[in-house]
C-alpha atoms as a PDB file:
ATOM      1  CA  MET A   1     149.037-144.742 -92.629  1.00  0.00           C
ATOM      2  CA  PRO A   2     150.838-144.607 -89.266  1.00  0.00           C
ATOM      3  CA  TYR A   3     152.767-141.460 -88.409  1.00  0.00           C
ATOM      4  CA  VAL A   4     155.433-141.623 -85.708  1.00  0.00           C
ATOM      5  CA  ASN A   5     157.139-138.488 -84.386  1.00  0.00           C
ATOM      6  CA  ILE A   6     160.300-139.078 -82.357  1.00  0.00           C
ATOM      7  CA  LYS A   7     161.684-136.091 -80.484  1.00  0.00           C
ATOM      8  CA  ILE A   8     165.262-136.251 -79.246  1.00  0.00           C
ATOM      9  CA  THR A   9     167.809-133.744 -78.058  1.00  0.00           C
ATOM     10  CA  ASN A  10     170.360-132.785 -80.697  1.00  0.00           C
ATOM     11  CA  GLU A  11     173.337-134.333 -78.974  1.00  0.00           C
ATOM     12  CA  ASN A  12     175.430-135.926 -81.710  1.00  0.00           C
ATOM     13  CA  VAL A  13     172.955-138.528 -82.910  1.00  0.00           C
ATOM     14  CA  THR A  14     174.568-140.169 -85.906  1.00  0.00           C
ATOM     15  CA  PRO A  15     172.759-140.854 -89.174  1.00  0.00           C
ATOM     16  CA  GLU A  16     173.170-144.563 -88.409  1.00  0.00           C
ATOM     17  CA  LYS A  17     171.364-144.207 -85.079  1.00  0.00           C
ATOM     18  CA  LYS A  18     168.566-142.226 -86.747  1.00  0.00           C
ATOM     19  CA  ALA A  19     168.227-144.940 -89.382  1.00  0.00           C
ATOM     20  CA  ALA A  20     167.998-147.540 -86.614  1.00  0.00           C
ATOM     21  CA  LEU A  21     165.262-145.520 -84.861  1.00  0.00           C
ATOM     22  CA  ILE A  22     163.289-145.260 -88.105  1.00  0.00           C
ATOM     23  CA  ALA A  23     163.674-148.964 -88.884  1.00  0.00           C
ATOM     24  CA  GLY A  24     162.828-149.957 -85.305  1.00  0.00           C
ATOM     25  CA  ALA A  25     159.693-147.820 -85.074  1.00  0.00           C
ATOM     26  CA  THR A  26     158.528-149.098 -88.453  1.00  0.00           C
ATOM     27  CA  LYS A  27     159.107-152.726 -87.457  1.00  0.00           C
ATOM     28  CA  LEU A  28     157.360-152.221 -84.115  1.00  0.00           C
ATOM     29  CA  LEU A  29     154.211-150.966 -85.842  1.00  0.00           C
ATOM     30  CA  GLN A  30     154.365-153.850 -88.283  1.00  0.00           C
ATOM     31  CA  ASP A  31     154.846-156.476 -85.551  1.00  0.00           C
ATOM     32  CA  VAL A  32     152.364-155.119 -82.996  1.00  0.00           C
ATOM     33  CA  MET A  33     149.690-153.534 -85.172  1.00  0.00           C
ATOM     34  CA  GLY A  34     150.141-155.313 -88.498  1.00  0.00           C
ATOM     35  CA  LYS A  35     150.826-151.986 -90.260  1.00  0.00           C
ATOM     36  CA  ASN A  36     152.354-151.877 -93.716  1.00  0.00           C
ATOM     37  CA  PRO A  37     155.961-150.636 -93.519  1.00  0.00           C
ATOM     38  CA  ALA A  38     155.623-149.056 -96.971  1.00  0.00           C
ATOM     39  CA  THR A  39     153.043-146.602 -95.627  1.00  0.00           C
ATOM     40  CA  THR A  40     154.556-145.953 -92.198  1.00  0.00           C
ATOM     41  CA  VAL A  41     155.984-142.460 -91.792  1.00  0.00           C
ATOM     42  CA  VAL A  42     158.627-141.756 -89.130  1.00  0.00           C
ATOM     43  CA  VAL A  43     159.864-138.223 -88.442  1.00  0.00           C
ATOM     44  CA  ILE A  44     162.733-137.422 -86.094  1.00  0.00           C
ATOM     45  CA  ASP A  45     162.795-133.928 -84.604  1.00  0.00           C
ATOM     46  CA  GLU A  46     166.051-132.888 -82.990  1.00  0.00           C
ATOM     47  CA  VAL A  47     165.495-130.308 -80.273  1.00  0.00           C
ATOM     48  CA  ASN A  48     168.211-128.021 -78.964  1.00  0.00           C
ATOM     49  CA  THR A  49     168.877-128.744 -75.287  1.00  0.00           C
ATOM     50  CA  ASP A  50     168.138-125.085 -74.496  1.00  0.00           C
ATOM     51  CA  ASN A  51     164.599-125.708 -75.803  1.00  0.00           C
ATOM     52  CA  TRP A  52     163.888-128.863 -73.787  1.00  0.00           C
ATOM     53  CA  GLY A  53     162.940-128.590 -70.148  1.00  0.00           C
ATOM     54  CA  ILE A  54     162.673-131.146 -67.367  1.00  0.00           C
ATOM     55  CA  GLY A  55     161.749-130.323 -63.797  1.00  0.00           C
ATOM     56  CA  GLY A  56     161.670-126.589 -64.437  1.00  0.00           C
ATOM     57  CA  GLU A  57     165.096-126.279 -66.052  1.00  0.00           C
ATOM     58  CA  THR A  58     166.674-126.814 -69.441  1.00  0.00           C
ATOM     59  CA  VAL A  59     168.438-129.990 -70.418  1.00  0.00           C
ATOM     60  CA  THR A  60     171.526-127.846 -71.051  1.00  0.00           C
ATOM     61  CA  VAL A  61     171.667-126.922 -67.358  1.00  0.00           C
ATOM     62  CA  ARG A  62     171.016-130.511 -66.286  1.00  0.00           C
ATOM     63  CA  ARG A  63     173.796-131.792 -68.554  1.00  0.00           C
ATOM     64  CA  GLN A  64     176.204-129.240 -67.107  1.00  0.00           C
ATOM     65  CA  ARG A  65     175.469-130.723 -63.668  1.00  0.00           C
ATOM     66  CA  GLY A  66     175.995-134.232 -64.989  1.00  0.00           C
ATOM     67  CA  GLN A  67     172.352-135.330 -65.001  1.00  0.00           C
END
């Protein structure tokens, strides 16, 4: 049973986009690995930008600078 954990920043990701991520990850495992979609688990974790760091600073700070 494959388990996929997708971590994204919580910046207005719509339910439709989340559904597309889940469907896409499931299909990828089916196509590449031959895994059964009925037993593939996909979890999306939305992380606050204050809790995600890149290059020694938070994503919040980077977004404020336009990065």
